[in-house]
């Protein structure tokens, strides 16, 4: 039985999605324990670690080798979103340290906006990759 050659775009999709999933899992793992009660002070170390993960993840996503132009566009969007989430989180931590509630709330809103964009972009990326997989010829 001969090995089937995988479509390059499907392979690139898998590589990109795997890199994104690793970032998401790592960020969720670190922040999972950080469920604050109303009025409770956040653990800034955890949020700094999460921002670092997002920042490094943004770089890792940008560094995935991709030739497909549509996939490159998704790659740039997701990398930019994670970078924005990281920067907003750094700003939020700095605002919490300075007890600047207004700045913290603005940074949190930035992070939430990026989170919504992440959701819609991620859904579009998944749909694109699933469509590419459907285009593959079936095994005999």
N, C-alpha and C. Protein backbone atom coordinates (compact mmCIF):
# COMPACT_ATOMS: atom_id res chain seq x y z
N UNK A 1 0.85 -1.18 0.00
CA UNK A 1 0.00 0.00 0.00
C UNK A 1 0.89 1.24 0.00
N UNK A 2 0.70 2.10 -0.94
CA UNK A 2 1.54 3.30 -1.08
C UNK A 2 1.08 4.38 -0.11
N UNK A 3 2.05 5.14 0.35
CA UNK A 3 1.72 6.28 1.21
C UNK A 3 1.11 7.38 0.35
N UNK A 4 0.08 7.99 0.85
CA UNK A 4 -0.50 9.11 0.12
C UNK A 4 0.26 10.37 0.47
N UNK A 5 0.46 11.20 -0.52
CA UNK A 5 1.12 12.47 -0.32
C UNK A 5 0.09 13.44 0.26
N UNK A 6 0.45 14.09 1.35
CA UNK A 6 -0.48 15.04 1.96
C UNK A 6 -0.40 16.37 1.22
N UNK A 7 -1.54 17.00 1.09
CA UNK A 7 -1.61 18.31 0.44
C UNK A 7 -0.82 19.32 1.28
N UNK A 8 0.03 20.14 0.65
CA UNK A 8 0.86 21.10 1.40
C UNK A 8 0.03 22.07 2.24
N UNK A 9 -1.11 22.51 1.73
CA UNK A 9 -1.93 23.46 2.48
C UNK A 9 -2.53 22.78 3.71
N UNK A 10 -2.96 21.54 3.56
CA UNK A 10 -3.50 20.80 4.71
C UNK A 10 -2.41 20.62 5.76
N UNK A 11 -1.20 20.30 5.32
CA UNK A 11 -0.07 20.17 6.25
C UNK A 11 0.18 21.50 6.96
N UNK A 12 0.19 22.60 6.21
CA UNK A 12 0.41 23.92 6.81
C UNK A 12 -0.70 24.26 7.80
N UNK A 13 -1.93 23.91 7.46
CA UNK A 13 -3.06 24.11 8.38
C UNK A 13 -2.81 23.37 9.69
N UNK A 14 -2.40 22.11 9.56
CA UNK A 14 -2.16 21.30 10.76
C UNK A 14 -1.05 21.91 11.61
N UNK A 15 0.01 22.35 10.97
CA UNK A 15 1.13 22.96 11.70
C UNK A 15 0.69 24.23 12.43
N UNK A 16 -0.05 25.08 11.73
CA UNK A 16 -0.50 26.34 12.31
C UNK A 16 -1.49 26.09 13.45
N UNK A 17 -2.46 25.22 13.22
CA UNK A 17 -3.46 24.93 14.25
C UNK A 17 -2.83 24.29 15.48
N UNK A 18 -1.85 23.43 15.27
CA UNK A 18 -1.16 22.80 16.40
C UNK A 18 -0.42 23.85 17.23
N UNK A 19 0.24 24.79 16.56
CA UNK A 19 0.97 25.85 17.26
C UNK A 19 0.00 26.72 18.04
N UNK A 20 -1.12 27.09 17.41
CA UNK A 20 -2.14 27.91 18.09
C UNK A 20 -2.69 27.16 19.30
N UNK A 21 -3.04 25.89 19.13
CA UNK A 21 -3.59 25.10 20.23
C UNK A 21 -2.62 25.00 21.40
N UNK A 22 -1.33 24.85 21.11
CA UNK A 22 -0.34 24.79 22.18
C UNK A 22 -0.33 26.08 22.99
N UNK A 23 -0.43 27.22 22.32
CA UNK A 23 -0.45 28.52 23.02
C UNK A 23 -1.71 28.62 23.89
N UNK A 24 -2.85 28.26 23.32
CA UNK A 24 -4.12 28.34 24.04
C UNK A 24 -4.09 27.46 25.28
N UNK A 25 -3.64 26.22 25.12
CA UNK A 25 -3.60 25.28 26.25
C UNK A 25 -2.67 25.80 27.34
N UNK A 26 -1.50 26.29 26.94
CA UNK A 26 -0.54 26.79 27.92
C UNK A 26 -1.09 28.00 28.67
N UNK A 27 -1.72 28.93 27.95
CA UNK A 27 -2.28 30.13 28.58
C UNK A 27 -3.45 29.76 29.49
N UNK A 28 -4.31 28.85 29.05
CA UNK A 28 -5.45 28.43 29.87
C UNK A 28 -4.99 27.69 31.11
N UNK A 29 -3.97 26.87 30.98
CA UNK A 29 -3.46 26.10 32.12
C UNK A 29 -2.96 27.04 33.21
N UNK A 30 -2.24 28.09 32.81
CA UNK A 30 -1.66 29.00 33.80
C UNK A 30 -2.73 29.87 34.45
N UNK A 31 -3.79 30.23 33.71
CA UNK A 31 -4.80 31.13 34.26
C UNK A 31 -5.99 30.41 34.88
N UNK A 32 -6.07 29.10 34.70
CA UNK A 32 -7.22 28.34 35.20
C UNK A 32 -7.43 28.50 36.71
N UNK A 33 -6.33 28.53 37.45
CA UNK A 33 -6.44 28.63 38.90
C UNK A 33 -6.78 30.04 39.35
N UNK A 34 -6.74 30.98 38.43
CA UNK A 34 -6.94 32.39 38.77
C UNK A 34 -8.40 32.79 38.56
N UNK A 35 -9.27 32.22 39.35
CA UNK A 35 -10.68 32.59 39.34
C UNK A 35 -10.92 33.52 40.52
N UNK A 36 -11.00 34.81 40.23
CA UNK A 36 -11.10 35.80 41.31
C UNK A 36 -12.53 35.98 41.77
N UNK A 37 -12.68 36.09 43.08
CA UNK A 37 -13.96 36.46 43.65
C UNK A 37 -14.09 37.98 43.54
N UNK A 38 -15.30 38.46 43.64
CA UNK A 38 -15.56 39.90 43.55
C UNK A 38 -14.73 40.65 44.60
N UNK A 39 -13.99 41.66 44.15
CA UNK A 39 -13.20 42.48 45.07
C UNK A 39 -11.85 41.88 45.43
N UNK A 40 -11.57 40.67 44.98
CA UNK A 40 -10.31 40.00 45.30
C UNK A 40 -9.19 40.53 44.40
N UNK A 41 -8.00 40.65 44.97
CA UNK A 41 -6.84 41.12 44.20
C UNK A 41 -6.37 39.99 43.27
N UNK A 42 -6.04 40.32 42.03
CA UNK A 42 -5.54 39.30 41.11
C UNK A 42 -4.10 38.90 41.46
N UNK A 43 -3.74 37.68 41.09
CA UNK A 43 -2.36 37.23 41.24
C UNK A 43 -1.60 37.72 40.01
N UNK A 44 -0.87 38.81 40.19
CA UNK A 44 -0.22 39.46 39.05
C UNK A 44 0.85 38.59 38.41
N UNK A 45 1.50 37.73 39.20
CA UNK A 45 2.51 36.83 38.63
C UNK A 45 1.89 35.90 37.58
N UNK A 46 0.71 35.39 37.89
CA UNK A 46 0.02 34.50 36.96
C UNK A 46 -0.31 35.25 35.67
N UNK A 47 -0.79 36.48 35.80
CA UNK A 47 -1.17 37.26 34.61
C UNK A 47 0.06 37.67 33.80
N UNK A 48 1.17 37.95 34.48
CA UNK A 48 2.41 38.25 33.75
C UNK A 48 2.88 37.02 32.98
N UNK A 49 2.79 35.85 33.62
CA UNK A 49 3.17 34.61 32.93
C UNK A 49 2.27 34.37 31.72
N UNK A 50 0.97 34.64 31.88
CA UNK A 50 0.04 34.47 30.77
C UNK A 50 0.39 35.42 29.62
N UNK A 51 0.72 36.67 29.96
CA UNK A 51 1.10 37.64 28.94
C UNK A 51 2.37 37.18 28.22
N UNK A 52 3.32 36.65 28.98
CA UNK A 52 4.56 36.13 28.37
C UNK A 52 4.26 34.98 27.40
N UNK A 53 3.36 34.08 27.82
CA UNK A 53 2.98 32.95 26.98
C UNK A 53 2.34 33.45 25.68
N UNK A 54 1.45 34.43 25.80
CA UNK A 54 0.80 34.98 24.61
C UNK A 54 1.79 35.69 23.70
N UNK A 55 2.73 36.40 24.30
CA UNK A 55 3.74 37.12 23.51
C UNK A 55 4.64 36.13 22.76
N UNK A 56 5.13 35.11 23.48
CA UNK A 56 5.96 34.09 22.84
C UNK A 56 5.16 33.29 21.83
N UNK A 57 3.90 33.04 22.16
CA UNK A 57 3.02 32.31 21.24
C UNK A 57 2.78 33.08 19.96
N UNK A 58 2.63 34.39 20.09
CA UNK A 58 2.47 35.25 18.91
C UNK A 58 3.66 35.10 17.98
N UNK A 59 4.85 35.08 18.56
CA UNK A 59 6.08 34.89 17.78
C UNK A 59 6.13 33.51 17.14
N UNK A 60 5.80 32.49 17.93
CA UNK A 60 5.83 31.11 17.42
C UNK A 60 4.87 30.94 16.25
N UNK A 61 3.69 31.54 16.37
CA UNK A 61 2.70 31.47 15.30
C UNK A 61 3.23 32.17 14.05
N UNK A 62 3.82 33.34 14.24
CA UNK A 62 4.37 34.11 13.11
C UNK A 62 5.51 33.36 12.42
N UNK A 63 6.20 32.50 13.16
CA UNK A 63 7.36 31.79 12.61
C UNK A 63 7.04 30.45 11.95
N UNK A 64 5.77 30.04 11.95
CA UNK A 64 5.41 28.80 11.25
C UNK A 64 5.59 29.06 9.76
N UNK A 65 6.28 28.15 9.09
CA UNK A 65 6.58 28.31 7.67
C UNK A 65 5.34 27.97 6.83
N UNK A 66 4.78 29.00 6.20
CA UNK A 66 3.54 28.83 5.42
C UNK A 66 3.70 29.49 4.06
N UNK A 67 3.30 28.76 3.01
CA UNK A 67 3.36 29.29 1.64
C UNK A 67 2.00 29.75 1.12
N UNK A 68 0.93 29.13 1.59
CA UNK A 68 -0.41 29.47 1.13
C UNK A 68 -0.78 30.89 1.56
N UNK A 69 -1.12 31.76 0.60
CA UNK A 69 -1.35 33.17 0.90
C UNK A 69 -2.55 33.40 1.82
N UNK A 70 -3.61 32.63 1.66
CA UNK A 70 -4.78 32.78 2.53
C UNK A 70 -4.42 32.37 3.94
N UNK A 71 -3.70 31.28 4.07
CA UNK A 71 -3.27 30.80 5.38
C UNK A 71 -2.29 31.79 6.03
N UNK A 72 -1.44 32.41 5.21
CA UNK A 72 -0.53 33.44 5.74
C UNK A 72 -1.31 34.60 6.34
N UNK A 73 -2.42 34.96 5.71
CA UNK A 73 -3.26 36.03 6.22
C UNK A 73 -3.84 35.66 7.59
N UNK A 74 -4.35 34.43 7.72
CA UNK A 74 -4.84 33.96 9.01
C UNK A 74 -3.71 33.94 10.04
N UNK A 75 -2.56 33.48 9.63
CA UNK A 75 -1.39 33.42 10.51
C UNK A 75 -1.08 34.80 11.08
N UNK A 76 -1.05 35.80 10.21
CA UNK A 76 -0.77 37.18 10.64
C UNK A 76 -1.85 37.68 11.59
N UNK A 77 -3.10 37.42 11.24
CA UNK A 77 -4.21 37.86 12.10
C UNK A 77 -4.11 37.26 13.50
N UNK A 78 -3.91 35.95 13.57
CA UNK A 78 -3.85 35.28 14.87
C UNK A 78 -2.63 35.75 15.67
N UNK A 79 -1.49 35.88 15.01
CA UNK A 79 -0.29 36.37 15.67
C UNK A 79 -0.53 37.77 16.24
N UNK A 80 -1.15 38.64 15.44
CA UNK A 80 -1.45 40.00 15.89
C UNK A 80 -2.43 40.01 17.06
N UNK A 81 -3.43 39.13 17.01
CA UNK A 81 -4.41 39.04 18.09
C UNK A 81 -3.73 38.64 19.40
N UNK A 82 -2.87 37.62 19.35
CA UNK A 82 -2.19 37.19 20.57
C UNK A 82 -1.23 38.25 21.08
N UNK A 83 -0.60 38.97 20.16
CA UNK A 83 0.27 40.07 20.57
C UNK A 83 -0.56 41.15 21.26
N UNK A 84 -1.72 41.47 20.71
CA UNK A 84 -2.61 42.48 21.32
C UNK A 84 -3.07 42.01 22.70
N UNK A 85 -3.43 40.73 22.82
CA UNK A 85 -3.85 40.21 24.12
C UNK A 85 -2.71 40.28 25.13
N UNK A 86 -1.50 39.98 24.68
CA UNK A 86 -0.33 40.06 25.57
C UNK A 86 -0.11 41.50 26.03
N UNK A 87 -0.13 42.44 25.08
CA UNK A 87 0.11 43.85 25.43
C UNK A 87 -0.98 44.37 26.36
N UNK A 88 -2.23 44.00 26.10
CA UNK A 88 -3.33 44.42 26.96
C UNK A 88 -3.16 43.84 28.36
N UNK A 89 -2.70 42.61 28.45
CA UNK A 89 -2.50 41.97 29.76
C UNK A 89 -1.35 42.64 30.51
N UNK A 90 -0.26 42.95 29.82
CA UNK A 90 0.84 43.68 30.46
C UNK A 90 0.34 45.03 30.99
N UNK A 91 -0.45 45.73 30.19
CA UNK A 91 -1.00 47.03 30.60
C UNK A 91 -1.92 46.87 31.80
N UNK A 92 -2.72 45.80 31.79
CA UNK A 92 -3.64 45.54 32.89
C UNK A 92 -2.87 45.29 34.19
N UNK A 93 -1.81 44.50 34.11
CA UNK A 93 -0.99 44.20 35.30
C UNK A 93 -0.37 45.49 35.83
N UNK A 94 0.18 46.29 34.93
CA UNK A 94 0.79 47.55 35.33
C UNK A 94 -0.25 48.46 36.01
N UNK A 95 -1.46 48.50 35.45
CA UNK A 95 -2.53 49.32 36.03
C UNK A 95 -2.93 48.81 37.40
N UNK A 96 -3.02 47.48 37.56
CA UNK A 96 -3.35 46.91 38.87
C UNK A 96 -2.28 47.28 39.89
N UNK A 97 -1.01 47.20 39.46
CA UNK A 97 0.08 47.54 40.38
C UNK A 97 -0.02 48.99 40.84
N UNK A 98 -0.45 49.87 39.95
CA UNK A 98 -0.56 51.29 40.27
C UNK A 98 -1.94 51.65 40.83
N UNK A 99 -2.79 50.65 40.99
CA UNK A 99 -4.16 50.84 41.48
C UNK A 99 -4.95 51.80 40.59
N UNK A 100 -4.66 51.76 39.30
CA UNK A 100 -5.34 52.60 38.31
C UNK A 100 -6.48 51.79 37.70
N UNK A 101 -7.63 51.85 38.36
CA UNK A 101 -8.77 51.03 37.97
C UNK A 101 -9.26 51.36 36.55
N UNK A 102 -9.26 52.64 36.20
CA UNK A 102 -9.73 53.05 34.88
C UNK A 102 -8.86 52.45 33.77
N UNK A 103 -7.54 52.51 33.96
CA UNK A 103 -6.61 51.96 32.97
C UNK A 103 -6.72 50.43 32.92
N UNK A 104 -6.92 49.81 34.08
CA UNK A 104 -7.08 48.35 34.13
C UNK A 104 -8.33 47.92 33.38
N UNK A 105 -9.42 48.66 33.57
CA UNK A 105 -10.68 48.32 32.89
C UNK A 105 -10.55 48.51 31.37
N UNK A 106 -9.85 49.58 30.95
CA UNK A 106 -9.64 49.82 29.52
C UNK A 106 -8.80 48.70 28.91
N UNK A 107 -7.77 48.27 29.63
CA UNK A 107 -6.91 47.18 29.14
C UNK A 107 -7.69 45.87 29.09
N UNK A 108 -8.54 45.66 30.07
CA UNK A 108 -9.36 44.45 30.08
C UNK A 108 -10.32 44.45 28.88
N UNK A 109 -10.87 45.60 28.57
CA UNK A 109 -11.76 45.72 27.40
C UNK A 109 -10.99 45.41 26.11
N UNK A 110 -9.75 45.89 26.02
CA UNK A 110 -8.89 45.59 24.86
C UNK A 110 -8.69 44.09 24.72
N UNK A 111 -8.39 43.45 25.85
CA UNK A 111 -8.16 42.00 25.83
C UNK A 111 -9.43 41.25 25.42
N UNK A 112 -10.58 41.72 25.91
CA UNK A 112 -11.84 41.06 25.56
C UNK A 112 -12.17 41.24 24.07
N UNK A 113 -11.90 42.43 23.54
CA UNK A 113 -12.12 42.67 22.11
C UNK A 113 -11.24 41.74 21.28
N UNK A 114 -9.98 41.63 21.68
CA UNK A 114 -9.06 40.72 20.98
C UNK A 114 -9.54 39.28 21.11
N UNK A 115 -10.09 38.93 22.27
CA UNK A 115 -10.63 37.59 22.48
C UNK A 115 -11.78 37.27 21.54
N UNK A 116 -12.66 38.25 21.33
CA UNK A 116 -13.77 38.06 20.38
C UNK A 116 -13.25 37.89 18.96
N UNK A 117 -12.25 38.70 18.61
CA UNK A 117 -11.64 38.60 17.29
C UNK A 117 -10.95 37.24 17.12
N UNK A 118 -10.33 36.77 18.19
CA UNK A 118 -9.68 35.45 18.17
C UNK A 118 -10.71 34.37 17.85
N UNK A 119 -11.89 34.47 18.47
CA UNK A 119 -12.95 33.48 18.26
C UNK A 119 -13.40 33.46 16.80
N UNK A 120 -13.72 34.62 16.24
CA UNK A 120 -14.21 34.66 14.86
C UNK A 120 -13.12 34.29 13.86
N UNK A 121 -11.91 34.75 14.09
CA UNK A 121 -10.79 34.42 13.20
C UNK A 121 -10.49 32.92 13.27
N UNK A 122 -10.51 32.39 14.49
CA UNK A 122 -10.27 30.96 14.68
C UNK A 122 -11.30 30.10 13.97
N UNK A 123 -12.57 30.53 14.04
CA UNK A 123 -13.63 29.79 13.35
C UNK A 123 -13.41 29.82 11.84
N UNK A 124 -13.06 31.00 11.32
CA UNK A 124 -12.80 31.12 9.87
C UNK A 124 -11.61 30.26 9.44
N UNK A 125 -10.56 30.29 10.25
CA UNK A 125 -9.37 29.48 9.97
C UNK A 125 -9.73 27.99 9.97
N UNK A 126 -10.47 27.55 10.98
CA UNK A 126 -10.88 26.15 11.04
C UNK A 126 -11.71 25.77 9.82
N UNK A 127 -12.64 26.63 9.42
CA UNK A 127 -13.47 26.36 8.25
C UNK A 127 -12.62 26.25 6.99
N UNK A 128 -11.66 27.16 6.84
CA UNK A 128 -10.78 27.13 5.67
C UNK A 128 -10.01 25.81 5.62
N UNK A 129 -9.45 25.42 6.75
CA UNK A 129 -8.67 24.18 6.81
C UNK A 129 -9.55 22.95 6.58
N UNK A 130 -10.75 22.96 7.14
CA UNK A 130 -11.66 21.83 6.92
C UNK A 130 -12.06 21.73 5.45
N UNK A 131 -12.29 22.88 4.82
CA UNK A 131 -12.62 22.87 3.39
C UNK A 131 -11.47 22.30 2.56
N UNK A 132 -10.23 22.65 2.93
CA UNK A 132 -9.06 22.13 2.21
C UNK A 132 -8.96 20.61 2.37
N UNK A 133 -9.29 20.12 3.58
CA UNK A 133 -9.25 18.67 3.81
C UNK A 133 -10.31 17.96 2.98
N UNK A 134 -11.48 18.59 2.84
CA UNK A 134 -12.57 17.99 2.06
C UNK A 134 -12.20 17.89 0.58
N UNK A 135 -11.32 18.77 0.13
CA UNK A 135 -10.90 18.77 -1.28
C UNK A 135 -9.94 17.62 -1.60
N UNK A 136 -9.39 16.99 -0.56
CA UNK A 136 -8.44 15.90 -0.79
C UNK A 136 -9.14 14.71 -1.43
N UNK A 137 -8.46 14.04 -2.34
CA UNK A 137 -9.07 12.84 -2.94
C UNK A 137 -9.19 11.74 -1.88
N UNK A 138 -10.26 10.99 -1.96
CA UNK A 138 -10.46 9.89 -1.01
C UNK A 138 -9.48 8.76 -1.31
N UNK A 139 -9.12 8.05 -0.25
CA UNK A 139 -8.23 6.89 -0.42
C UNK A 139 -9.00 5.81 -1.18
N UNK A 140 -8.32 5.08 -2.07
CA UNK A 140 -9.00 4.04 -2.87
C UNK A 140 -9.48 2.90 -2.00
